[in-house]
N, C-alpha and C. Protein backbone atom coordinates (compact mmCIF):
# COMPACT_ATOMS: atom_id res chain seq x y z
N MET A 1 -9.73 1.20 5.81
CA MET A 1 -8.87 2.16 5.14
C MET A 1 -8.72 3.39 6.03
N ILE A 2 -7.51 3.88 6.17
CA ILE A 2 -7.23 5.06 6.98
C ILE A 2 -7.26 6.28 6.08
N ASN A 3 -8.02 7.29 6.45
CA ASN A 3 -8.14 8.49 5.63
C ASN A 3 -7.34 9.66 6.17
N SER A 4 -6.66 9.51 7.30
CA SER A 4 -5.94 10.63 7.90
C SER A 4 -4.44 10.61 7.62
N PHE A 5 -4.00 9.75 6.72
CA PHE A 5 -2.58 9.66 6.40
C PHE A 5 -2.14 10.95 5.71
N PRO A 6 -1.03 11.55 6.15
CA PRO A 6 -0.55 12.78 5.51
C PRO A 6 -0.14 12.52 4.06
N ARG A 7 -0.79 13.18 3.14
CA ARG A 7 -0.51 12.97 1.71
C ARG A 7 0.62 13.88 1.23
N ASN A 8 1.30 13.40 0.21
CA ASN A 8 2.39 14.17 -0.43
C ASN A 8 3.43 14.63 0.58
N GLN A 9 3.73 13.78 1.53
CA GLN A 9 4.71 14.12 2.55
C GLN A 9 5.79 13.05 2.58
N LEU A 10 7.01 13.48 2.75
CA LEU A 10 8.13 12.56 2.91
C LEU A 10 8.42 12.36 4.39
N PHE A 11 8.87 11.17 4.73
CA PHE A 11 9.18 10.81 6.10
C PHE A 11 10.59 10.23 6.14
N THR A 12 11.09 9.97 7.34
CA THR A 12 12.35 9.25 7.48
C THR A 12 12.07 7.93 8.17
N ALA A 13 12.35 6.84 7.46
CA ALA A 13 12.22 5.49 8.01
C ALA A 13 13.57 5.09 8.58
N VAL A 14 13.58 4.74 9.86
CA VAL A 14 14.81 4.37 10.53
C VAL A 14 14.71 2.90 10.95
N THR A 15 15.61 2.10 10.43
CA THR A 15 15.68 0.69 10.79
C THR A 15 16.87 0.49 11.71
N CYS A 16 16.61 -0.08 12.88
CA CYS A 16 17.65 -0.28 13.89
C CYS A 16 17.72 -1.77 14.22
N LEU A 17 18.81 -2.41 13.88
CA LEU A 17 18.98 -3.83 14.14
C LEU A 17 19.83 -4.04 15.39
N ASP A 18 19.34 -4.90 16.27
CA ASP A 18 20.01 -5.15 17.55
C ASP A 18 21.36 -5.84 17.36
N LYS A 19 22.25 -5.58 18.30
CA LYS A 19 23.48 -6.36 18.41
C LYS A 19 23.06 -7.77 18.81
N PRO A 20 23.84 -8.78 18.42
CA PRO A 20 23.47 -10.15 18.79
C PRO A 20 23.76 -10.43 20.27
N GLY A 21 23.07 -11.44 20.78
CA GLY A 21 23.40 -11.94 22.11
C GLY A 21 22.32 -11.73 23.16
N THR A 22 22.39 -12.56 24.17
CA THR A 22 21.40 -12.51 25.25
C THR A 22 21.59 -11.28 26.13
N GLU A 23 22.80 -10.76 26.21
CA GLU A 23 23.04 -9.55 27.01
C GLU A 23 22.26 -8.38 26.44
N ILE A 24 22.24 -8.25 25.12
CA ILE A 24 21.49 -7.16 24.48
C ILE A 24 20.00 -7.36 24.72
N ALA A 25 19.52 -8.59 24.62
CA ALA A 25 18.10 -8.86 24.89
C ALA A 25 17.75 -8.47 26.32
N ARG A 26 18.64 -8.72 27.26
CA ARG A 26 18.41 -8.34 28.66
C ARG A 26 18.36 -6.82 28.79
N ILE A 27 19.30 -6.12 28.16
CA ILE A 27 19.32 -4.66 28.23
C ILE A 27 18.07 -4.08 27.59
N ARG A 28 17.65 -4.64 26.46
CA ARG A 28 16.43 -4.19 25.78
C ARG A 28 15.24 -4.31 26.73
N LYS A 29 15.13 -5.44 27.40
CA LYS A 29 14.01 -5.67 28.32
C LYS A 29 14.06 -4.70 29.49
N GLU A 30 15.25 -4.49 30.04
CA GLU A 30 15.40 -3.57 31.18
C GLU A 30 15.12 -2.12 30.80
N THR A 31 15.35 -1.78 29.55
CA THR A 31 15.19 -0.40 29.08
C THR A 31 13.81 -0.15 28.49
N LEU A 32 13.00 -1.19 28.34
CA LEU A 32 11.70 -1.08 27.67
C LEU A 32 10.81 0.00 28.29
N GLU A 33 10.70 0.03 29.60
CA GLU A 33 9.81 1.01 30.24
C GLU A 33 10.23 2.45 29.92
N ALA A 34 11.53 2.73 29.98
CA ALA A 34 12.03 4.08 29.66
C ALA A 34 11.82 4.38 28.18
N HIS A 35 12.04 3.38 27.33
CA HIS A 35 11.83 3.55 25.89
C HIS A 35 10.37 3.90 25.61
N LEU A 36 9.44 3.16 26.20
CA LEU A 36 8.01 3.43 25.97
C LEU A 36 7.59 4.78 26.53
N ALA A 37 8.16 5.20 27.66
CA ALA A 37 7.88 6.53 28.20
C ALA A 37 8.34 7.60 27.22
N HIS A 38 9.49 7.37 26.60
CA HIS A 38 10.00 8.31 25.59
C HIS A 38 9.06 8.36 24.39
N ILE A 39 8.60 7.20 23.93
CA ILE A 39 7.67 7.14 22.80
C ILE A 39 6.39 7.89 23.14
N GLU A 40 5.89 7.73 24.36
CA GLU A 40 4.67 8.42 24.76
C GLU A 40 4.84 9.94 24.73
N LYS A 41 6.03 10.43 25.00
CA LYS A 41 6.30 11.87 24.98
C LYS A 41 6.48 12.41 23.56
N THR A 42 6.89 11.55 22.63
CA THR A 42 7.26 12.01 21.30
C THR A 42 6.41 11.43 20.18
N TYR A 43 5.34 10.71 20.51
CA TYR A 43 4.59 9.98 19.48
C TYR A 43 4.01 10.88 18.40
N GLU A 44 3.77 12.14 18.70
CA GLU A 44 3.21 13.03 17.67
C GLU A 44 4.20 13.30 16.55
N ASP A 45 5.47 13.02 16.77
CA ASP A 45 6.50 13.17 15.74
C ASP A 45 6.75 11.87 14.98
N ILE A 46 6.00 10.82 15.33
CA ILE A 46 6.21 9.49 14.77
C ILE A 46 4.98 9.08 13.97
N LEU A 47 5.20 8.65 12.73
CA LEU A 47 4.11 8.12 11.92
C LEU A 47 3.74 6.73 12.39
N VAL A 48 4.75 5.89 12.58
CA VAL A 48 4.56 4.53 13.10
C VAL A 48 5.89 4.05 13.66
N ALA A 49 5.81 3.22 14.68
CA ALA A 49 7.03 2.66 15.27
C ALA A 49 6.69 1.32 15.91
N GLY A 50 7.68 0.46 15.97
CA GLY A 50 7.47 -0.82 16.64
C GLY A 50 8.67 -1.72 16.49
N PRO A 51 8.59 -2.87 17.16
CA PRO A 51 9.70 -3.81 17.11
C PRO A 51 9.75 -4.58 15.80
N ILE A 52 10.95 -5.00 15.45
CA ILE A 52 11.17 -5.91 14.33
C ILE A 52 11.45 -7.28 14.95
N PHE A 53 10.72 -8.29 14.49
CA PHE A 53 10.86 -9.63 15.05
C PHE A 53 11.71 -10.53 14.16
N SER A 54 12.21 -11.60 14.76
CA SER A 54 12.90 -12.65 14.02
C SER A 54 11.90 -13.30 13.07
N PRO A 55 12.36 -14.02 12.05
CA PRO A 55 11.45 -14.64 11.09
C PRO A 55 10.39 -15.54 11.73
N ASP A 56 10.73 -16.19 12.84
CA ASP A 56 9.74 -17.06 13.50
C ASP A 56 8.79 -16.28 14.41
N GLY A 57 9.04 -14.98 14.58
CA GLY A 57 8.17 -14.14 15.40
C GLY A 57 8.35 -14.31 16.90
N ASN A 58 9.37 -15.03 17.32
CA ASN A 58 9.55 -15.34 18.74
C ASN A 58 10.47 -14.39 19.49
N SER A 59 11.27 -13.62 18.79
CA SER A 59 12.18 -12.72 19.49
C SER A 59 12.33 -11.41 18.73
N VAL A 60 12.57 -10.36 19.49
CA VAL A 60 12.77 -9.03 18.91
C VAL A 60 14.21 -8.95 18.43
N ARG A 61 14.37 -8.40 17.22
CA ARG A 61 15.72 -8.26 16.67
C ARG A 61 16.05 -6.84 16.26
N GLY A 62 15.14 -5.90 16.56
CA GLY A 62 15.40 -4.51 16.22
C GLY A 62 14.16 -3.65 16.37
N SER A 63 14.26 -2.45 15.81
CA SER A 63 13.17 -1.48 15.88
C SER A 63 13.03 -0.77 14.55
N LEU A 64 11.80 -0.40 14.23
CA LEU A 64 11.51 0.41 13.04
C LEU A 64 10.75 1.64 13.50
N LEU A 65 11.24 2.81 13.13
CA LEU A 65 10.57 4.06 13.45
C LEU A 65 10.45 4.87 12.17
N ILE A 66 9.27 5.37 11.89
CA ILE A 66 9.08 6.26 10.75
C ILE A 66 8.69 7.61 11.33
N TYR A 67 9.62 8.55 11.22
CA TYR A 67 9.43 9.89 11.77
C TYR A 67 8.76 10.79 10.74
N LYS A 68 7.97 11.74 11.23
CA LYS A 68 7.24 12.68 10.38
C LYS A 68 8.15 13.83 9.95
N THR A 69 9.27 13.49 9.39
CA THR A 69 10.21 14.47 8.85
C THR A 69 11.03 13.80 7.76
N ALA A 70 11.42 14.57 6.77
CA ALA A 70 12.33 14.07 5.74
C ALA A 70 13.77 14.49 6.05
N ASP A 71 13.95 15.28 7.09
CA ASP A 71 15.26 15.80 7.47
C ASP A 71 15.99 14.77 8.33
N ARG A 72 17.05 14.22 7.79
CA ARG A 72 17.80 13.18 8.51
C ARG A 72 18.33 13.68 9.84
N LYS A 73 18.81 14.91 9.89
CA LYS A 73 19.36 15.43 11.14
C LYS A 73 18.30 15.51 12.23
N VAL A 74 17.09 15.88 11.85
CA VAL A 74 15.98 15.93 12.82
C VAL A 74 15.65 14.52 13.30
N ALA A 75 15.54 13.58 12.36
CA ALA A 75 15.24 12.19 12.71
C ALA A 75 16.35 11.61 13.59
N GLN A 76 17.58 11.91 13.25
CA GLN A 76 18.71 11.39 14.03
C GLN A 76 18.68 11.94 15.45
N ALA A 77 18.38 13.22 15.61
CA ALA A 77 18.29 13.81 16.95
C ALA A 77 17.18 13.15 17.76
N MET A 78 16.04 12.87 17.11
CA MET A 78 14.94 12.20 17.81
C MET A 78 15.36 10.80 18.24
N LEU A 79 16.02 10.08 17.35
CA LEU A 79 16.46 8.72 17.68
C LEU A 79 17.48 8.74 18.81
N GLU A 80 18.41 9.66 18.76
CA GLU A 80 19.47 9.72 19.77
C GLU A 80 18.95 10.07 21.16
N ALA A 81 17.73 10.60 21.24
CA ALA A 81 17.10 10.88 22.54
C ALA A 81 16.41 9.64 23.12
N ASP A 82 16.30 8.59 22.33
CA ASP A 82 15.61 7.36 22.75
C ASP A 82 16.50 6.56 23.72
N PRO A 83 15.94 6.09 24.83
CA PRO A 83 16.73 5.28 25.76
C PRO A 83 17.36 4.04 25.14
N TYR A 84 16.74 3.45 24.13
CA TYR A 84 17.37 2.31 23.46
C TYR A 84 18.66 2.74 22.78
N TYR A 85 18.65 3.91 22.15
CA TYR A 85 19.86 4.41 21.51
C TYR A 85 20.94 4.63 22.58
N LYS A 86 20.55 5.26 23.68
CA LYS A 86 21.50 5.56 24.75
C LYS A 86 22.05 4.28 25.39
N ALA A 87 21.27 3.20 25.36
CA ALA A 87 21.72 1.92 25.91
C ALA A 87 22.61 1.15 24.93
N ALA A 88 22.77 1.69 23.73
CA ALA A 88 23.66 1.12 22.70
C ALA A 88 23.31 -0.33 22.36
N ILE A 89 22.01 -0.60 22.16
CA ILE A 89 21.60 -1.98 21.83
C ILE A 89 21.65 -2.26 20.34
N TRP A 90 21.75 -1.23 19.51
CA TRP A 90 21.68 -1.43 18.07
C TRP A 90 23.07 -1.51 17.45
N GLN A 91 23.24 -2.47 16.54
CA GLN A 91 24.52 -2.60 15.84
C GLN A 91 24.48 -1.91 14.49
N ASP A 92 23.29 -1.74 13.93
CA ASP A 92 23.16 -1.14 12.61
C ASP A 92 21.93 -0.25 12.58
N ILE A 93 22.12 0.99 12.18
CA ILE A 93 21.02 1.95 12.07
C ILE A 93 21.06 2.53 10.66
N SER A 94 19.93 2.45 9.95
CA SER A 94 19.87 3.04 8.61
C SER A 94 18.72 4.03 8.53
N TYR A 95 18.98 5.13 7.85
CA TYR A 95 18.00 6.20 7.65
C TYR A 95 17.66 6.26 6.17
N ASN A 96 16.37 6.24 5.85
CA ASN A 96 15.93 6.32 4.46
C ASN A 96 14.72 7.22 4.36
N VAL A 97 14.72 8.11 3.37
CA VAL A 97 13.54 8.93 3.11
C VAL A 97 12.46 8.01 2.54
N PHE A 98 11.23 8.19 3.01
CA PHE A 98 10.13 7.28 2.69
C PHE A 98 8.89 8.08 2.29
N TYR A 99 8.18 7.57 1.27
CA TYR A 99 6.90 8.14 0.84
C TYR A 99 5.88 7.02 0.83
N GLY A 100 4.77 7.20 1.51
CA GLY A 100 3.70 6.20 1.54
C GLY A 100 2.86 6.30 0.28
N ALA A 101 3.13 5.45 -0.71
CA ALA A 101 2.51 5.55 -2.02
C ALA A 101 1.28 4.69 -2.21
N ALA A 102 1.18 3.55 -1.50
CA ALA A 102 0.05 2.65 -1.73
C ALA A 102 -0.21 1.79 -0.51
N GLY A 103 -1.46 1.38 -0.36
CA GLY A 103 -1.85 0.47 0.72
C GLY A 103 -2.97 1.05 1.56
N ASP A 104 -3.50 0.22 2.43
CA ASP A 104 -4.61 0.65 3.29
C ASP A 104 -4.25 1.85 4.16
N ALA A 105 -3.02 1.87 4.69
CA ALA A 105 -2.63 2.94 5.59
C ALA A 105 -2.62 4.31 4.92
N VAL A 106 -2.44 4.35 3.60
CA VAL A 106 -2.41 5.63 2.89
C VAL A 106 -3.71 5.89 2.14
N GLY A 107 -4.71 5.06 2.39
CA GLY A 107 -6.01 5.27 1.75
C GLY A 107 -6.09 4.75 0.33
N GLY A 108 -5.29 3.75 0.00
CA GLY A 108 -5.34 3.17 -1.35
C GLY A 108 -4.10 3.50 -2.14
N LEU A 109 -4.31 4.10 -3.31
CA LEU A 109 -3.20 4.47 -4.20
C LEU A 109 -2.95 5.96 -4.08
N ALA A 110 -2.16 6.34 -3.10
CA ALA A 110 -1.92 7.76 -2.81
C ALA A 110 -1.27 8.48 -3.97
N TYR A 111 -0.46 7.79 -4.74
CA TYR A 111 0.23 8.44 -5.85
C TYR A 111 -0.72 8.84 -6.96
N LYS A 112 -1.95 8.35 -6.96
CA LYS A 112 -2.94 8.71 -7.98
C LYS A 112 -3.85 9.85 -7.53
N LYS A 113 -3.71 10.27 -6.29
CA LYS A 113 -4.64 11.29 -5.76
C LYS A 113 -4.03 12.66 -5.74
């Protein structure tokens, strides 16, 4: 159980789904190093981030980033600085305000504390 999860805080969950095709997969691979360098510079603003895989787990089909802000404009600015965004690999990007209410990552039932 993680005890350092920020309680009573709203975040912005950003789901980014890749455009279809092998060309996008190639661009994603070529841009990975720059993307990870960007994440290393900005990780303190990120609650969690990582790739979204296909149902069989064999290929990446997008990215999920949960930013430590409830302000969409702030989250959007952070995303737009990402090399993946600049490489235009995503066909669909959705922003949703998120609250971690339950589970190991939030230390159990956060809504009861």
